[in-house]
Protein backbone atom coordinates (compact mmCIF):
# COMPACT_ATOMS: atom_id res chain seq x y z
CA MET A 1 -2.29 38.65 -9.08
CA GLY A 2 -4.11 40.38 -6.19
CA LEU A 3 -5.04 36.98 -4.79
CA ASP A 4 -6.22 37.35 -1.20
CA ASP A 5 -7.39 33.77 -0.65
CA PHE A 6 -7.38 30.53 -2.64
CA LYS A 7 -8.37 27.33 -0.84
CA ILE A 8 -10.18 24.00 -1.05
CA ILE A 9 -12.87 23.15 1.51
CA PHE A 10 -14.35 19.65 1.81
CA ASP A 11 -18.01 19.39 2.84
CA ASN A 12 -17.10 16.45 5.09
CA PRO A 13 -15.84 18.04 8.35
CA TRP A 14 -13.17 15.34 8.75
CA SER A 15 -12.14 15.21 5.07
CA THR A 16 -12.36 11.42 5.43
CA TYR A 17 -14.11 9.05 3.02
CA TYR A 18 -14.60 5.37 2.25
CA PRO A 19 -13.98 3.83 -1.19
CA GLY A 20 -17.01 4.22 -3.45
CA GLN A 21 -18.28 7.36 -1.70
CA THR A 22 -18.85 10.72 -3.39
CA VAL A 23 -16.51 13.55 -2.40
CA THR A 24 -17.96 17.04 -2.47
CA GLY A 25 -16.51 20.42 -1.63
CA ARG A 26 -15.83 23.88 -2.96
CA VAL A 27 -12.98 25.96 -4.28
CA VAL A 28 -12.93 29.47 -2.78
CA ILE A 29 -11.15 32.33 -4.56
CA LYS A 30 -10.95 35.86 -3.20
CA ILE A 31 -9.34 38.59 -5.32
CA ASN A 32 -9.05 42.33 -4.82
CA SER A 33 -9.08 43.37 -8.50
CA ALA A 34 -10.49 42.06 -11.77
CA LYS A 35 -8.36 39.34 -13.37
CA LYS A 36 -8.27 37.73 -16.79
CA ILE A 37 -8.42 33.92 -16.77
CA ARG A 38 -9.23 31.02 -19.08
CA GLY A 39 -10.88 28.94 -16.37
CA ILE A 40 -10.70 27.12 -13.04
CA ASN A 41 -9.34 23.57 -13.34
CA CYS A 42 -9.77 20.79 -10.75
CA LYS A 43 -7.47 17.73 -10.52
CA ILE A 44 -8.14 14.77 -8.22
CA LYS A 45 -5.49 12.10 -7.75
CA GLY A 46 -4.81 8.97 -5.70
CA GLU A 47 -1.41 7.28 -5.70
CA ALA A 48 1.23 5.44 -3.69
CA ASN A 49 4.93 6.27 -3.69
CA THR A 50 7.96 4.76 -1.97
CA CYS A 51 11.49 6.15 -1.83
CA TRP A 52 14.64 5.54 0.21
CA ALA A 53 18.42 5.39 -0.16
CA THR A 54 20.20 2.03 -0.13
CA ASP A 55 23.86 1.12 0.31
CA ARG A 56 25.33 -1.63 -1.82
CA GLN A 57 28.77 -2.78 -2.88
CA GLU A 58 29.77 -2.30 -6.52
CA GLN A 59 32.93 -3.51 -8.18
CA ASN A 60 35.03 -0.70 -9.73
CA HIS A 61 37.22 -0.91 -12.82
CA GLU A 62 40.17 -2.04 -10.69
CA GLY A 63 38.23 -5.01 -9.35
CA ARG A 64 37.80 -3.57 -5.85
CA TYR A 65 34.41 -3.35 -4.15
CA GLU A 66 33.21 0.08 -3.07
CA ASN A 67 30.11 1.18 -1.17
CA GLU A 68 27.61 2.95 -3.39
CA SER A 69 24.46 4.81 -2.35
CA GLN A 70 21.44 4.40 -4.59
CA THR A 71 17.92 5.82 -4.34
CA VAL A 72 15.15 3.34 -5.08
CA THR A 73 11.52 4.26 -5.76
CA GLY A 74 8.12 2.76 -6.44
CA HIS A 75 4.94 4.28 -7.85
CA GLU A 76 1.29 3.20 -8.22
CA GLU A 77 -1.60 5.28 -9.51
CA TYR A 78 -5.17 4.51 -8.42
CA PHE A 79 -7.02 7.28 -10.24
CA ASN A 80 -6.34 10.62 -11.91
CA MET A 81 -9.31 12.82 -12.79
CA GLN A 82 -9.44 16.35 -14.16
CA TYR A 83 -12.20 18.73 -15.20
CA TYR A 84 -12.90 22.47 -15.40
CA LEU A 85 -15.15 24.10 -12.81
CA LEU A 86 -15.24 27.23 -14.96
CA GLY A 87 -14.25 27.71 -18.60
CA SER A 88 -12.07 25.19 -20.46
CA ALA A 89 -8.56 24.69 -21.81
CA ASN A 90 -9.65 26.15 -25.17
CA ALA A 91 -11.90 28.87 -23.80
CA SER A 92 -11.46 32.53 -24.64
CA GLU A 93 -10.26 34.91 -21.97
CA MET A 94 -12.82 35.93 -19.38
CA GLU A 95 -12.68 38.49 -16.64
CA LEU A 96 -13.11 37.46 -13.03
CA PRO A 97 -14.49 40.45 -11.07
CA PRO A 98 -13.08 41.35 -7.66
CA GLY A 99 -14.60 39.70 -4.61
CA GLU A 100 -15.13 36.14 -3.38
CA HIS A 101 -15.99 33.35 -5.86
CA VAL A 102 -17.07 29.84 -4.86
CA TYR A 103 -17.03 26.85 -7.24
CA PRO A 104 -18.47 23.52 -6.03
CA PHE A 105 -16.80 20.26 -7.06
CA THR A 106 -17.90 16.62 -6.84
CA PHE A 107 -16.42 13.28 -7.83
CA SER A 108 -17.00 9.60 -7.08
CA LEU A 109 -14.25 7.45 -5.62
CA PRO A 110 -13.41 4.03 -7.09
CA HIS A 111 -14.56 1.07 -5.00
CA SER A 112 -11.14 -0.58 -4.64
CA LEU A 113 -8.78 1.81 -2.86
CA PRO A 114 -6.21 1.26 -0.10
CA SER A 115 -6.37 3.32 3.09
CA SER A 116 -4.37 6.53 3.37
CA PHE A 117 -0.92 5.98 4.86
CA GLU A 118 2.01 8.28 5.63
CA HIS A 119 5.64 7.46 6.46
CA ASP A 120 9.07 8.84 5.64
CA TYR A 121 9.75 5.93 3.26
CA GLY A 122 6.40 5.87 1.50
CA HIS A 123 2.81 7.03 1.43
CA ILE A 124 -0.65 6.34 0.03
CA ARG A 125 -2.07 9.78 -0.60
CA TYR A 126 -5.20 11.38 -2.07
CA THR A 127 -5.29 15.04 -3.11
CA VAL A 128 -7.43 17.69 -4.79
CA LYS A 129 -5.71 20.51 -6.66
CA ALA A 130 -7.40 23.64 -8.03
CA ILE A 131 -5.69 25.66 -10.76
CA ILE A 132 -6.45 29.17 -11.98
CA ASP A 133 -5.63 28.91 -15.69
CA ARG A 134 -4.20 32.30 -16.70
CA PRO A 135 -3.28 33.23 -20.27
CA TRP A 136 0.31 34.35 -20.76
CA LYS A 137 1.07 34.07 -17.04
CA PHE A 138 2.02 31.43 -14.52
CA ASP A 139 -1.00 29.53 -13.21
CA GLN A 140 -2.03 29.87 -9.57
CA GLU A 141 -2.48 26.54 -7.73
CA THR A 142 -3.75 25.33 -4.38
CA LYS A 143 -3.85 21.77 -3.04
CA ALA A 144 -5.44 19.83 -0.16
CA ALA A 145 -5.20 16.20 0.91
CA PHE A 146 -8.05 14.02 2.17
CA SER A 147 -8.17 10.64 3.90
CA ILE A 148 -9.43 7.29 2.61
CA VAL A 149 -10.33 4.46 4.99
CA ALA A 150 -10.75 0.98 3.50
CA ASN A 151 -13.26 -0.90 5.63
CA LEU A 152 -12.06 -3.87 7.69
CA ASP A 153 -14.97 -5.46 9.55
CA LEU A 154 -13.40 -7.62 12.24
CA ASN A 155 -16.54 -9.78 12.28
CA CYS A 156 -15.57 -10.93 8.76
CA GLU A 157 -11.98 -11.77 9.70
CA GLY A 158 -12.02 -15.22 11.32
CA ARG A 159 -8.57 -14.87 12.87
CA ALA A 160 -9.58 -11.64 14.63
CA MET A 161 -12.17 -13.56 16.68
CA GLU A 162 -9.64 -16.16 17.90
CA PRO A 163 -8.30 -15.93 21.46
CA LEU A 164 -4.57 -15.49 21.88
CA HIS A 165 -2.63 -17.88 24.10
CA GLN A 166 1.15 -17.91 23.93
CA GLU A 167 3.44 -20.00 26.13
CA LEU A 168 7.09 -18.93 26.20
CA SER A 169 9.89 -20.80 27.95
CA LYS A 170 13.64 -20.30 28.32
CA THR A 171 16.57 -21.63 30.34
CA PHE A 172 19.74 -19.73 31.18
CA CYS A 173 23.30 -21.01 31.26
CA CYS A 174 24.86 -20.89 34.72
CA LEU A 175 28.47 -22.20 34.93
CA CYS A 176 27.91 -24.50 31.93
CA CYS A 177 24.71 -25.90 33.45
CA GLY A 178 21.21 -25.08 32.35
CA SER A 179 18.94 -23.35 34.84
CA ALA A 180 15.38 -24.29 35.66
CA PRO A 181 13.02 -22.70 33.14
CA LEU A 182 11.54 -19.23 33.00
CA ARG A 183 7.95 -19.50 31.75
CA VAL A 184 5.79 -16.62 30.55
CA ASN A 185 2.18 -17.20 29.49
CA VAL A 186 0.24 -14.45 27.72
CA THR A 187 -3.48 -14.58 26.93
CA MET A 188 -6.03 -12.26 25.31
CA PRO A 189 -9.73 -12.97 24.68
CA VAL A 190 -9.53 -11.96 20.98
CA ARG A 191 -6.94 -10.84 18.41
CA GLY A 192 -9.03 -8.10 16.75
CA TYR A 193 -9.53 -4.53 18.02
CA VAL A 194 -10.45 -1.06 16.79
CA PRO A 195 -8.90 2.32 17.68
CA GLY A 196 -10.34 3.58 20.95
CA GLN A 197 -10.47 0.06 22.36
CA ALA A 198 -8.09 -1.40 24.95
CA MET A 199 -6.30 -4.72 24.67
CA SER A 200 -6.78 -6.62 27.92
CA ILE A 201 -3.72 -8.85 28.36
CA ARG A 202 -3.23 -11.48 31.08
CA VAL A 203 0.37 -12.29 31.98
CA ASN A 204 1.59 -15.17 34.13
CA VAL A 205 5.30 -15.38 34.97
CA ASP A 206 6.81 -18.46 36.61
CA ASN A 207 10.50 -17.74 37.14
CA GLN A 208 12.13 -20.96 38.37
CA SER A 209 15.49 -19.88 36.99
CA GLY A 210 18.20 -18.30 39.12
CA VAL A 211 18.01 -15.09 37.09
CA ILE A 212 16.08 -11.97 38.08
CA ILE A 213 13.61 -10.77 35.44
CA GLU A 214 13.82 -7.00 35.58
CA VAL A 215 10.65 -6.30 33.60
CA VAL A 216 8.15 -7.93 31.26
CA LYS A 217 7.25 -5.68 28.33
CA LEU A 218 4.08 -5.77 26.23
CA ILE A 219 4.59 -3.82 23.01
CA LEU A 220 2.06 -3.14 20.25
CA ARG A 221 4.00 -2.66 17.00
CA LYS A 222 3.21 -1.64 13.46
CA ILE A 223 5.18 -3.76 10.98
CA VAL A 224 5.49 -2.01 7.60
CA THR A 225 7.14 -3.44 4.48
CA PHE A 226 8.01 -0.94 1.75
CA LYS A 227 8.71 -2.12 -1.79
CA ALA A 228 10.52 -0.43 -4.67
CA ASN A 229 10.91 -1.42 -8.31
CA ASN A 230 13.09 1.31 -9.83
CA PRO A 231 15.95 1.03 -10.72
CA ARG A 232 15.82 -2.40 -9.07
CA ILE A 233 13.43 -4.46 -7.00
CA CYS A 234 14.06 -4.31 -3.26
CA SER A 235 12.23 -3.87 0.03
CA ARG A 236 12.75 -2.67 3.58
CA ARG A 237 10.92 -3.51 6.79
CA GLU A 238 10.21 -1.07 9.61
CA LYS A 239 9.01 -1.97 13.12
CA ILE A 240 7.29 0.97 14.78
CA VAL A 241 6.24 0.98 18.44
CA ILE A 242 2.63 2.14 18.88
CA ALA A 243 2.08 1.53 22.59
CA GLU A 244 3.97 -0.17 25.42
CA VAL A 245 3.36 -1.22 29.02
CA SER A 246 5.65 -3.11 31.40
CA LYS A 247 5.79 -4.58 34.89
CA GLY A 248 8.49 -6.06 37.08
CA PRO A 249 10.68 -7.26 38.59
CA VAL A 250 10.14 -10.99 39.15
CA GLU A 251 12.73 -12.40 41.51
CA ALA A 252 14.55 -15.67 40.90
CA GLY A 253 12.23 -18.48 41.97
CA GLY A 254 9.27 -16.07 42.07
CA THR A 255 5.94 -15.90 40.27
CA SER A 256 3.67 -13.10 39.13
CA ASP A 257 0.15 -13.07 37.71
CA TYR A 258 -1.47 -9.83 36.56
CA GLU A 259 -3.46 -8.06 33.86
CA GLN A 260 -2.44 -5.01 31.82
CA THR A 261 -4.12 -2.96 29.10
CA LEU A 262 -2.81 -1.36 25.93
CA ASP A 263 -4.89 1.57 24.62
CA ILE A 264 -5.16 1.67 20.84
CA PRO A 265 -4.85 5.14 19.25
CA ALA A 266 -5.98 6.20 15.77
CA LEU A 267 -4.35 3.77 13.31
CA PRO A 268 -4.81 2.63 9.72
CA PRO A 269 -6.56 -0.75 9.48
CA SER A 270 -4.43 -3.88 9.10
CA ASN A 271 -5.33 -4.33 5.45
CA LEU A 272 -3.67 -2.13 2.88
CA THR A 273 -5.62 -4.04 0.27
CA ASN A 274 -5.04 -3.06 -3.34
CA CYS A 275 -1.62 -1.52 -2.63
CA GLY A 276 1.33 -3.34 -4.13
CA LEU A 277 4.04 -1.13 -2.60
CA ILE A 278 3.26 -1.04 1.14
CA ASP A 279 2.26 -3.96 3.38
CA LEU A 280 1.01 -3.39 6.92
CA GLU A 281 0.37 -5.66 9.88
CA TYR A 282 0.36 -5.36 13.66
CA ASN A 283 1.82 -7.59 16.33
CA LEU A 284 2.04 -7.83 20.09
CA LYS A 285 5.62 -8.36 21.22
CA VAL A 286 6.29 -9.95 24.61
CA GLU A 287 9.75 -9.52 26.09
CA ALA A 288 11.02 -10.68 29.48
CA VAL A 289 14.20 -8.69 30.20
CA ALA A 290 16.75 -10.74 32.15
CA GLN A 291 19.21 -9.11 34.54
CA GLY A 292 22.78 -9.26 33.28
CA TRP A 293 24.07 -8.33 29.83
CA TRP A 294 25.22 -11.90 29.18
CA HIS A 295 21.66 -13.30 29.34
CA ARG A 296 19.45 -13.16 26.29
CA ASN A 297 15.91 -11.94 26.81
CA LEU A 298 12.88 -14.16 26.31
CA LYS A 299 10.86 -12.86 23.35
CA GLY A 300 7.69 -13.74 21.45
CA ASN A 301 5.46 -12.16 18.78
CA ASN A 302 1.74 -12.49 18.13
CA LEU A 303 -0.26 -11.33 15.11
CA VAL A 304 -3.14 -8.98 15.99
CA PHE A 305 -5.65 -7.10 13.83
CA ILE A 306 -6.70 -3.45 13.81
CA GLY A 307 -10.05 -2.95 12.10
CA THR A 308 -12.68 -0.30 11.39
CA VAL A 309 -15.73 -2.20 12.72
CA PRO A 310 -15.47 -3.79 16.22
CA LEU A 311 -16.28 -7.39 17.05
CA ALA A 312 -19.98 -7.60 17.91
CA ASN A 313 -19.53 -10.02 20.82
CA TYR A 314 -16.60 -8.34 22.55
CA GLN A 315 -16.70 -4.98 24.40
CA SER A 316 -19.49 -3.83 22.10
CA SER A 317 -20.77 -1.11 24.42
CA ILE A 318 -19.93 2.02 22.44
CA ILE A 319 -21.01 5.50 23.45
CA PRO A 320 -21.48 8.46 21.09
CA PRO A 321 -18.75 11.03 20.55
CA VAL A 322 -18.84 13.93 23.01
CA ASN A 323 -19.33 16.52 20.25
CA LYS A 324 -22.97 16.06 19.24
CA ILE A 325 -22.63 18.40 16.25
CA ASP A 326 -19.74 16.37 14.83
CA GLN A 327 -21.73 13.20 15.51
CA GLN A 328 -24.63 14.49 13.41
CA LYS A 329 -22.27 15.60 10.66
CA GLY A 330 -20.74 12.15 10.75
CA ASN A 331 -24.16 10.59 10.25
CA ASP A 332 -24.67 12.85 7.25
CA TYR A 333 -21.41 11.99 5.53
CA GLN A 334 -20.29 8.50 6.56
CA ASP A 335 -21.84 5.19 5.60
CA LYS A 336 -23.02 3.13 8.57
CA LEU A 337 -20.48 0.37 8.22
CA ALA A 338 -20.97 -1.06 11.68
CA ASP A 339 -24.05 -2.54 13.31
CA PRO A 340 -26.83 0.10 13.47
CA THR A 341 -26.77 -0.06 17.29
CA TYR A 342 -23.25 1.35 17.32
CA ALA A 343 -22.70 5.06 17.70
CA PRO A 344 -20.65 6.37 14.76
CA PRO A 345 -16.94 6.82 15.41
CA SER A 346 -15.12 10.10 15.44
CA TYR A 347 -12.22 10.53 13.01
CA GLU A 348 -8.86 11.38 14.52
CA GLU A 349 -5.43 12.08 13.12
CA ALA A 350 -2.81 9.38 13.30
CA GLY A 351 0.49 10.21 14.95
CA TRP A 352 2.51 10.37 11.73
CA ALA A 353 2.07 13.72 9.93
CA VAL A 354 3.46 14.56 6.50
CA ARG A 355 5.92 17.43 6.37
CA SER A 356 5.06 18.49 2.82
CA LEU A 357 2.55 17.59 0.12
CA ARG A 358 4.92 18.73 -2.60
CA GLU A 359 5.56 16.25 -5.42
CA ASN A 360 8.63 15.94 -7.62
CA ASN A 361 8.79 18.60 -10.35
CA GLU A 362 5.93 20.52 -8.74
CA ASN A 363 5.92 24.30 -8.44
CA PHE A 364 7.31 25.44 -5.09
CA HIS A 365 4.58 28.10 -4.85
CA VAL A 366 1.57 25.76 -4.75
CA ILE A 367 -0.60 26.96 -1.87
CA GLY A 368 -1.24 24.26 0.75
CA ASN A 369 1.87 22.18 0.02
CA ASN A 370 3.45 23.13 3.33
CA ASN A 371 0.32 22.65 5.42
CA HIS A 372 0.25 20.01 8.15
CA PHE A 373 -1.48 16.82 7.07
CA ALA A 374 -2.03 13.56 8.93
CA PRO A 375 -4.57 10.97 7.75
CA ARG A 376 -7.64 10.44 9.92
CA TYR A 377 -9.02 7.06 10.96
CA PRO A 378 -12.20 6.00 12.81
CA VAL A 379 -11.93 5.94 16.61
CA TYR A 380 -14.69 4.54 18.83
CA LYS A 381 -15.44 5.57 22.39
CA PHE A 382 -16.22 2.65 24.68
CA SER A 383 -18.18 2.86 27.90
CA SER A 384 -15.67 0.71 29.75
């Protein structure tokens, strides 16, 4: 077609939006010779999909049970909009002269949308596709994804303000007799944090048992439940380690009292509200690893919350992002969801990146389908 460039550019430098906001951008087409077209079409879509293979036993015609692999899927659509930036589906042919052509687009997001989310077993994804509608020829298409962040103000989540205090205790069997107890106490001032913040965790170990504790682990985990409804209803749960710190050993009869921190990277907020296929929560796992394979470790789990607006009365000293230009752009494009005294967050990619934006039954030649994409989430920079 003589197509030198065909791309979608969002006006927001982070391509990140909140539900209810207006998304603006432009479609850029650069061609080296005149081309006949019917128009330029723009499609905007938000949806969730899940997919994985399951193993189950099925009875064959001889009455024996055999393992059978089955792919299960789920699908939800949040919105699907389409309109022509130039021409129409019924328009007569027009000639697009050589050179660069720019077509602005704009659309308003619904108010009830779940945050963007990417994983091998499912995603919540928002995309814009531009299509050059060509008579008697295959259409040319380009696609780009953008991020949605559903607000979770920790000041409105009562459980996020609660302190965490967990007392764990365990005895070990020694020659058919129970040992004195191992006790591990874990405390945190609050349960709610935002990316960029650090969890300050106090640990007290009182090891009166005769067993050496090699290490005490503190693990921040993302607990994701994926659901499918075709051809049957089922679910799977994934536990993903986000951050981990550890300290040890604690000798038999010994004690240890210390404080450790877990830095929180860019993460989707705890709530995947309005999504019926993917549930998300975070927990802090505590594990005291006992020496000797025959001893079971002492374990405990605690629910914690990752939000988009920090608690006002806890570590509220936030400093502006280093890049002043990006900070100003952020003020232009993002609603001030936090207290006005807070500097706006930057928006950083989460660790999980999608390998392809291609959908089932979609043309393999869609430009942008093989581009790297990872959703972005707000990250604050704290002064301490």
